[in-house]
Amino acid sequence: MLHKTKGIVISHVKYGETSIIIQIYTEKFGIQSYIENGVRKAKAKNKMAIFQPLTLLDLVVYKKSNSSINRISEIKVSPPFRSIPYEIIKSSMGIFLAEMLNHILRGEEDENPLMFEFIEKSLVYFDQKESNYVNFHLQFLIQLTAFLGFKPANAHEMIQEVSDFHHVKLRPDEIQKLEELIENDISAEVKLTGEQRQQLIKVIIFFYQIHSHSFKEIKSLKILHEVLN
């Protein structure tokens, strides 16, 4: 049966000689796997650029209840990004967020239109923002916790939860900045030093690890730190 849905590319892996299996977070079905045959051929109908992480899509897909991997009937990039794939800071942050989402959304196979809308609108906002976006990844991950059901009430609650499993010691100025991130949405301009940013993303990742139980190391974090600092 065919269904129309929006989607956000999370990741893809090679399959066979010319095909890939794509993880897409869909508006209607949550996280889904799709196989795309022949996409790695030179004359492929759909180019690999369509399946880069975080690409926003309009889809017509097949959905079989007894199949863990389905197929895409129609696909269109909507809207195409103007800056995320082309600017080094944004692309590095995008790779980091895609890796985080790959872990966070694992098992999210139910429809969650509010969370989908938040992720979609946040990415469009990030793509269009021309300055003051170096803290977007922290703001996005903090606000996403509300849709996953574990947003902390304040900085002290978050630090306490993390401290039960990890040795964490934040300075008063870092605690204040964490409070600002929790209290404000992604459009707020929170000013952070490079050191504050590194400390806070570490705490946020620990917080996600405690609540999701699905990942340990984030491989792209080191590169992101180098690019931002």
C-alpha atoms as a PDB file:
ATOM      1  CA  MET A   1       0.000   0.000   0.000  1.00  0.00           C
ATOM      2  CA  LEU A   2       1.286   3.482  -0.880  1.00  0.00           C
ATOM      3  CA  HIS A   3       1.429   6.339   1.612  1.00  0.00           C
ATOM      4  CA  LYS A   4       2.445  10.001   1.373  1.00  0.00           C
ATOM      5  CA  THR A   5       4.667  11.231   4.190  1.00  0.00           C
ATOM      6  CA  LYS A   6       7.398  13.713   4.935  1.00  0.00           C
ATOM      7  CA  GLY A   7      10.779  12.347   5.945  1.00  0.00           C
ATOM      8  CA  ILE A   8      14.177  13.315   7.337  1.00  0.00           C
ATOM      9  CA  VAL A   9      17.212  11.285   6.270  1.00  0.00           C
ATOM     10  CA  ILE A  10      19.123  10.030   9.303  1.00  0.00           C
ATOM     11  CA  SER A  11      21.750   7.716   7.814  1.00  0.00           C
ATOM     12  CA  HIS A  12      22.464   5.216   5.072  1.00  0.00           C
ATOM     13  CA  VAL A  13      24.668   2.169   4.556  1.00  0.00           C
ATOM     14  CA  LYS A  14      25.873   0.470   1.386  1.00  0.00           C
ATOM     15  CA  TYR A  15      24.022  -2.653   0.305  1.00  0.00           C
ATOM     16  CA  GLY A  16      25.363  -4.882  -2.425  1.00  0.00           C
ATOM     17  CA  GLU A  17      27.195  -3.427  -5.403  1.00  0.00           C
ATOM     18  CA  THR A  18      25.060  -0.370  -6.163  1.00  0.00           C
ATOM     19  CA  SER A  19      22.304  -0.091  -3.552  1.00  0.00           C
ATOM     20  CA  ILE A  20      21.866   1.488  -0.125  1.00  0.00           C
ATOM     21  CA  ILE A  21      19.595   1.044   2.871  1.00  0.00           C
ATOM     22  CA  ILE A  22      18.416   4.387   4.252  1.00  0.00           C
ATOM     23  CA  GLN A  23      17.180   5.186   7.726  1.00  0.00           C
ATOM     24  CA  ILE A  24      14.509   7.885   7.417  1.00  0.00           C
ATOM     25  CA  TYR A  25      12.538   9.458  10.238  1.00  0.00           C
ATOM     26  CA  THR A  26       9.041   9.796   8.790  1.00  0.00           C
ATOM     27  CA  GLU A  27       6.118  11.914   9.899  1.00  0.00           C
ATOM     28  CA  LYS A  28       3.632   9.028   9.651  1.00  0.00           C
ATOM     29  CA  PHE A  29       5.601   5.956  10.695  1.00  0.00           C
ATOM     30  CA  GLY A  30       8.508   7.119  12.840  1.00  0.00           C
ATOM     31  CA  ILE A  31      11.919   5.682  11.997  1.00  0.00           C
ATOM     32  CA  GLN A  32      11.845   3.432   8.923  1.00  0.00           C
ATOM     33  CA  SER A  33      14.331   1.582   6.709  1.00  0.00           C
ATOM     34  CA  TYR A  34      14.111   1.802   2.922  1.00  0.00           C
ATOM     35  CA  ILE A  35      16.157   0.092   0.234  1.00  0.00           C
ATOM     36  CA  GLU A  36      17.116   2.091  -2.846  1.00  0.00           C
ATOM     37  CA  ASN A  37      18.460  -0.045  -5.673  1.00  0.00           C
ATOM     38  CA  GLY A  38      21.027   1.188  -8.176  1.00  0.00           C
ATOM     39  CA  VAL A  39      21.503   4.581  -6.539  1.00  0.00           C
ATOM     40  CA  ARG A  40      25.296   4.247  -6.640  1.00  0.00           C
ATOM     41  CA  LYS A  41      25.313   3.811 -10.418  1.00  0.00           C
ATOM     42  CA  ALA A  42      26.563   6.725 -12.533  1.00  0.00           C
ATOM     43  CA  LYS A  43      23.209   7.094 -14.291  1.00  0.00           C
ATOM     44  CA  ALA A  44      20.987   6.496 -11.253  1.00  0.00           C
ATOM     45  CA  LYS A  45      17.561   8.148 -11.314  1.00  0.00           C
ATOM     46  CA  ASN A  46      17.946   9.355  -7.700  1.00  0.00           C
ATOM     47  CA  LYS A  47      21.384  10.731  -6.866  1.00  0.00           C
ATOM     48  CA  MET A  48      23.236   9.997  -3.607  1.00  0.00           C
ATOM     49  CA  ALA A  49      22.952  13.674  -2.606  1.00  0.00           C
ATOM     50  CA  ILE A  50      19.269  13.093  -1.878  1.00  0.00           C
ATOM     51  CA  PHE A  51      20.187  10.627   0.851  1.00  0.00           C
ATOM     52  CA  GLN A  52      22.692  12.735   2.776  1.00  0.00           C
ATOM     53  CA  PRO A  53      21.914  12.976   6.518  1.00  0.00           C
ATOM     54  CA  LEU A  54      19.247  15.528   7.562  1.00  0.00           C
ATOM     55  CA  THR A  55      17.909  16.031   4.012  1.00  0.00           C
ATOM     56  CA  LEU A  56      14.194  16.889   4.154  1.00  0.00           C
ATOM     57  CA  LEU A  57      11.988  14.852   1.844  1.00  0.00           C
ATOM     58  CA  ASP A  58       8.476  14.497   0.492  1.00  0.00           C
ATOM     59  CA  LEU A  59       7.892  10.784  -0.013  1.00  0.00           C
ATOM     60  CA  VAL A  60       5.472   8.266  -1.429  1.00  0.00           C
ATOM     61  CA  VAL A  61       6.407   4.953   0.195  1.00  0.00           C
ATOM     62  CA  TYR A  62       5.296   1.359   0.338  1.00  0.00           C
ATOM     63  CA  LYS A  63       4.369   0.103   3.808  1.00  0.00           C
ATOM     64  CA  LYS A  64       4.096  -3.605   4.516  1.00  0.00           C
ATOM     65  CA  SER A  65       3.282  -4.576   8.082  1.00  0.00           C
ATOM     66  CA  ASN A  66       5.387  -7.738   7.905  1.00  0.00           C
ATOM     67  CA  SER A  67       8.490  -6.102   6.395  1.00  0.00           C
ATOM     68  CA  SER A  68      11.293  -4.326   8.259  1.00  0.00           C
ATOM     69  CA  ILE A  69      12.631  -2.789   5.032  1.00  0.00           C
ATOM     70  CA  ASN A  70      10.310  -1.078   2.563  1.00  0.00           C
ATOM     71  CA  ARG A  71      10.678   0.760  -0.744  1.00  0.00           C
ATOM     72  CA  ILE A  72      10.267   4.335  -1.916  1.00  0.00           C
ATOM     73  CA  SER A  73       7.954   4.975  -4.871  1.00  0.00           C
ATOM     74  CA  GLU A  74       8.458   8.733  -5.230  1.00  0.00           C
ATOM     75  CA  ILE A  75      10.920  11.124  -3.621  1.00  0.00           C
ATOM     76  CA  LYS A  76      11.467  14.874  -3.674  1.00  0.00           C
ATOM     77  CA  VAL A  77      13.769  17.110  -1.622  1.00  0.00           C
ATOM     78  CA  SER A  78      11.565  19.664   0.121  1.00  0.00           C
ATOM     79  CA  PRO A  79      12.853  22.194   0.890  1.00  0.00           C
ATOM     80  CA  PRO A  80      16.450  21.876  -0.359  1.00  0.00           C
ATOM     81  CA  PHE A  81      19.065  23.182   2.064  1.00  0.00           C
ATOM     82  CA  ARG A  82      20.896  26.356   1.089  1.00  0.00           C
ATOM     83  CA  SER A  83      23.761  26.303   3.592  1.00  0.00           C
ATOM     84  CA  ILE A  84      23.970  23.197   5.836  1.00  0.00           C
ATOM     85  CA  PRO A  85      25.811  20.981   3.301  1.00  0.00           C
ATOM     86  CA  TYR A  86      28.096  23.775   2.080  1.00  0.00           C
ATOM     87  CA  GLU A  87      29.372  25.657   5.159  1.00  0.00           C
ATOM     88  CA  ILE A  88      31.999  23.840   7.227  1.00  0.00           C
ATOM     89  CA  ILE A  89      30.606  24.767  10.654  1.00  0.00           C
ATOM     90  CA  LYS A  90      27.023  23.952   9.701  1.00  0.00           C
ATOM     91  CA  SER A  91      27.941  20.729   7.921  1.00  0.00           C
ATOM     92  CA  SER A  92      30.009  19.564  10.917  1.00  0.00           C
ATOM     93  CA  MET A  93      27.135  20.338  13.269  1.00  0.00           C
ATOM     94  CA  GLY A  94      24.782  18.547  10.877  1.00  0.00           C
ATOM     95  CA  ILE A  95      26.938  15.402  10.882  1.00  0.00           C
ATOM     96  CA  PHE A  96      27.026  15.482  14.694  1.00  0.00           C
ATOM     97  CA  LEU A  97      23.254  15.951  14.999  1.00  0.00           C
ATOM     98  CA  ALA A  98      22.576  13.196  12.463  1.00  0.00           C
ATOM     99  CA  GLU A  99      24.747  10.816  14.482  1.00  0.00           C
ATOM    100  CA  MET A 100      22.916  11.783  17.673  1.00  0.00           C
ATOM    101  CA  LEU A 101      19.510  11.359  16.007  1.00  0.00           C
ATOM    102  CA  ASN A 102      20.581   7.984  14.642  1.00  0.00           C
ATOM    103  CA  HIS A 103      20.925   6.797  18.247  1.00  0.00           C
ATOM    104  CA  ILE A 104      18.095   8.815  19.777  1.00  0.00           C
ATOM    105  CA  LEU A 105      15.398   7.827  17.267  1.00  0.00           C
ATOM    106  CA  ARG A 106      16.267   4.130  17.257  1.00  0.00           C
ATOM    107  CA  GLY A 107      13.091   2.334  18.257  1.00  0.00           C
ATOM    108  CA  GLU A 108      10.877   5.398  17.665  1.00  0.00           C
ATOM    109  CA  GLU A 109       8.580   3.536  15.271  1.00  0.00           C
ATOM    110  CA  ASP A 110       5.326   5.257  16.191  1.00  0.00           C
ATOM    111  CA  GLU A 111       3.841   8.377  14.669  1.00  0.00           C
ATOM    112  CA  ASN A 112       4.921  11.489  16.581  1.00  0.00           C
ATOM    113  CA  PRO A 113       3.896  14.491  14.453  1.00  0.00           C
ATOM    114  CA  LEU A 114       4.868  17.071  17.087  1.00  0.00           C
ATOM    115  CA  MET A 115       8.428  15.768  17.365  1.00  0.00           C
ATOM    116  CA  PHE A 116       8.723  15.464  13.586  1.00  0.00           C
ATOM    117  CA  GLU A 117       7.524  19.047  13.157  1.00  0.00           C
ATOM    118  CA  PHE A 118      10.004  20.290  15.767  1.00  0.00           C
ATOM    119  CA  ILE A 119      12.964  18.560  14.093  1.00  0.00           C
ATOM    120  CA  GLU A 120      11.906  19.669  10.606  1.00  0.00           C
ATOM    121  CA  LYS A 121      11.291  23.324  11.544  1.00  0.00           C
ATOM    122  CA  SER A 122      14.491  23.458  13.594  1.00  0.00           C
ATOM    123  CA  LEU A 123      16.574  22.265  10.640  1.00  0.00           C
ATOM    124  CA  VAL A 124      14.958  24.791   8.282  1.00  0.00           C
ATOM    125  CA  TYR A 125      15.623  27.541  10.844  1.00  0.00           C
ATOM    126  CA  PHE A 126      19.263  26.420  11.208  1.00  0.00           C
ATOM    127  CA  ASP A 127      19.734  26.333   7.428  1.00  0.00           C
ATOM    128  CA  GLN A 128      18.346  29.845   6.997  1.00  0.00           C
ATOM    129  CA  LYS A 129      20.177  31.444   9.931  1.00  0.00           C
ATOM    130  CA  GLU A 130      23.130  33.481   8.711  1.00  0.00           C
ATOM    131  CA  SER A 131      24.899  34.220  12.007  1.00  0.00           C
ATOM    132  CA  ASN A 132      24.969  33.349  15.716  1.00  0.00           C
ATOM    133  CA  TYR A 133      24.275  29.653  15.175  1.00  0.00           C
ATOM    134  CA  VAL A 134      27.333  28.024  16.805  1.00  0.00           C
ATOM    135  CA  ASN A 135      25.258  26.859  19.780  1.00  0.00           C
ATOM    136  CA  PHE A 136      22.363  25.509  17.737  1.00  0.00           C
ATOM    137  CA  HIS A 137      23.272  21.859  18.386  1.00  0.00           C
ATOM    138  CA  LEU A 138      23.097  22.370  22.159  1.00  0.00           C
ATOM    139  CA  GLN A 139      19.814  24.280  21.967  1.00  0.00           C
ATOM    140  CA  PHE A 140      18.294  21.698  19.630  1.00  0.00           C
ATOM    141  CA  LEU A 141      19.225  18.718  21.808  1.00  0.00           C
ATOM    142  CA  ILE A 142      17.972  20.398  24.985  1.00  0.00           C
ATOM    143  CA  GLN A 143      14.594  21.272  23.437  1.00  0.00           C
ATOM    144  CA  LEU A 144      14.253  17.831  21.812  1.00  0.00           C
ATOM    145  CA  THR A 145      14.145  16.226  25.272  1.00  0.00           C
ATOM    146  CA  ALA A 146      10.627  17.658  25.753  1.00  0.00           C
ATOM    147  CA  PHE A 147       9.319  15.573  22.835  1.00  0.00           C
ATOM    148  CA  LEU A 148      11.097  12.468  24.099  1.00  0.00           C
ATOM    149  CA  GLY A 149       9.553  12.827  27.548  1.00  0.00           C
ATOM    150  CA  PHE A 150      12.554  13.625  29.722  1.00  0.00           C
ATOM    151  CA  LYS A 151      13.147  17.380  29.614  1.00  0.00           C
ATOM    152  CA  PRO A 152      14.792  18.520  32.868  1.00  0.00           C
ATOM    153  CA  ALA A 153      12.994  21.126  34.967  1.00  0.00           C
ATOM    154  CA  ASN A 154      16.226  23.070  35.460  1.00  0.00           C
ATOM    155  CA  ALA A 155      20.008  22.844  35.272  1.00  0.00           C
ATOM    156  CA  HIS A 156      20.423  21.445  38.782  1.00  0.00           C
ATOM    157  CA  GLU A 157      18.030  18.565  38.067  1.00  0.00           C
ATOM    158  CA  MET A 158      19.903  17.711  34.890  1.00  0.00           C
ATOM    159  CA  ILE A 159      23.314  17.859  36.577  1.00  0.00           C
ATOM    160  CA  GLN A 160      22.079  15.724  39.467  1.00  0.00           C
ATOM    161  CA  GLU A 161      20.815  13.010  37.123  1.00  0.00           C
ATOM    162  CA  VAL A 162      24.092  12.974  35.211  1.00  0.00           C
ATOM    163  CA  SER A 163      26.171  13.012  38.425  1.00  0.00           C
ATOM    164  CA  ASP A 164      24.577   9.741  39.542  1.00  0.00           C
ATOM    165  CA  PHE A 165      26.378   8.001  36.650  1.00  0.00           C
ATOM    166  CA  HIS A 166      29.259  10.269  35.600  1.00  0.00           C
ATOM    167  CA  HIS A 167      31.784  12.469  37.343  1.00  0.00           C
ATOM    168  CA  VAL A 168      30.670  15.954  36.325  1.00  0.00           C
ATOM    169  CA  LYS A 169      31.661  19.252  37.873  1.00  0.00           C
ATOM    170  CA  LEU A 170      30.447  22.469  36.261  1.00  0.00           C
ATOM    171  CA  ARG A 171      31.492  25.945  37.286  1.00  0.00           C
ATOM    172  CA  PRO A 172      28.768  28.436  38.360  1.00  0.00           C
ATOM    173  CA  ASP A 173      28.996  30.234  34.998  1.00  0.00           C
ATOM    174  CA  GLU A 174      28.500  26.923  33.138  1.00  0.00           C
ATOM    175  CA  ILE A 175      25.492  26.048  35.289  1.00  0.00           C
ATOM    176  CA  GLN A 176      23.983  29.455  34.496  1.00  0.00           C
ATOM    177  CA  LYS A 177      24.501  28.902  30.763  1.00  0.00           C
ATOM    178  CA  LEU A 178      22.912  25.448  30.998  1.00  0.00           C
ATOM    179  CA  GLU A 179      19.935  27.081  32.707  1.00  0.00           C
ATOM    180  CA  GLU A 180      19.643  29.535  29.816  1.00  0.00           C
ATOM    181  CA  LEU A 181      19.655  26.682  27.304  1.00  0.00           C
ATOM    182  CA  ILE A 182      16.863  24.893  29.188  1.00  0.00           C
ATOM    183  CA  GLU A 183      14.716  27.995  29.704  1.00  0.00           C
ATOM    184  CA  ASN A 184      14.910  29.359  26.142  1.00  0.00           C
ATOM    185  CA  ASP A 185      13.958  27.992  22.724  1.00  0.00           C
ATOM    186  CA  ILE A 186      16.336  27.507  19.799  1.00  0.00           C
ATOM    187  CA  SER A 187      15.940  31.089  18.583  1.00  0.00           C
ATOM    188  CA  ALA A 188      17.443  32.583  21.766  1.00  0.00           C
ATOM    189  CA  GLU A 189      20.992  33.916  21.480  1.00  0.00           C
ATOM    190  CA  VAL A 190      22.950  32.252  24.270  1.00  0.00           C
ATOM    191  CA  LYS A 191      26.581  33.385  24.313  1.00  0.00           C
ATOM    192  CA  LEU A 192      29.092  30.655  25.190  1.00  0.00           C
ATOM    193  CA  THR A 193      32.857  30.396  25.203  1.00  0.00           C
ATOM    194  CA  GLY A 194      34.459  27.406  23.495  1.00  0.00           C
ATOM    195  CA  GLU A 195      35.249  25.869  26.889  1.00  0.00           C
ATOM    196  CA  GLN A 196      31.661  26.311  28.114  1.00  0.00           C
ATOM    197  CA  ARG A 197      30.348  24.784  24.902  1.00  0.00           C
ATOM    198  CA  GLN A 198      32.547  21.700  25.273  1.00  0.00           C
ATOM    199  CA  GLN A 199      31.577  21.172  28.906  1.00  0.00           C
ATOM    200  CA  LEU A 200      27.856  21.562  28.257  1.00  0.00           C
ATOM    201  CA  ILE A 201      27.696  19.262  25.225  1.00  0.00           C
ATOM    202  CA  LYS A 202      29.437  16.616  27.320  1.00  0.00           C
ATOM    203  CA  VAL A 203      26.724  16.910  29.986  1.00  0.00           C
ATOM    204  CA  ILE A 204      23.950  16.859  27.377  1.00  0.00           C
ATOM    205  CA  ILE A 205      25.354  13.697  25.757  1.00  0.00           C
ATOM    206  CA  PHE A 206      25.620  12.019  29.176  1.00  0.00           C
ATOM    207  CA  PHE A 207      22.004  13.009  29.858  1.00  0.00           C
ATOM    208  CA  TYR A 208      20.849  11.394  26.607  1.00  0.00           C
ATOM    209  CA  GLN A 209      22.877   8.267  27.294  1.00  0.00           C
ATOM    210  CA  ILE A 210      21.159   7.853  30.657  1.00  0.00           C
ATOM    211  CA  HIS A 211      17.682   8.169  29.167  1.00  0.00           C
ATOM    212  CA  SER A 212      18.057   6.384  25.840  1.00  0.00           C
ATOM    213  CA  HIS A 213      20.448   3.515  26.714  1.00  0.00           C
ATOM    214  CA  SER A 214      21.286   3.180  23.028  1.00  0.00           C
ATOM    215  CA  PHE A 215      24.754   4.621  22.524  1.00  0.00           C
ATOM    216  CA  LYS A 216      28.124   5.370  24.056  1.00  0.00           C
ATOM    217  CA  GLU A 217      30.673   7.166  21.896  1.00  0.00           C
ATOM    218  CA  ILE A 218      29.737   9.941  19.459  1.00  0.00           C
ATOM    219  CA  LYS A 219      32.455   9.715  16.822  1.00  0.00           C
ATOM    220  CA  SER A 220      31.775  13.081  15.166  1.00  0.00           C
ATOM    221  CA  LEU A 221      32.107  15.075  18.412  1.00  0.00           C
ATOM    222  CA  LYS A 222      35.898  15.416  18.194  1.00  0.00           C
ATOM    223  CA  ILE A 223      35.717  16.881  14.684  1.00  0.00           C
ATOM    224  CA  LEU A 224      32.950  19.254  15.760  1.00  0.00           C
ATOM    225  CA  HIS A 225      35.074  20.522  18.659  1.00  0.00           C
ATOM    226  CA  GLU A 226      37.989  21.166  16.285  1.00  0.00           C
ATOM    227  CA  VAL A 227      35.816  23.065  13.819  1.00  0.00           C
ATOM    228  CA  LEU A 228      34.136  25.215  16.482  1.00  0.00           C
ATOM    229  CA  ASN A 229      37.340  26.028  18.326  1.00  0.00           C
END
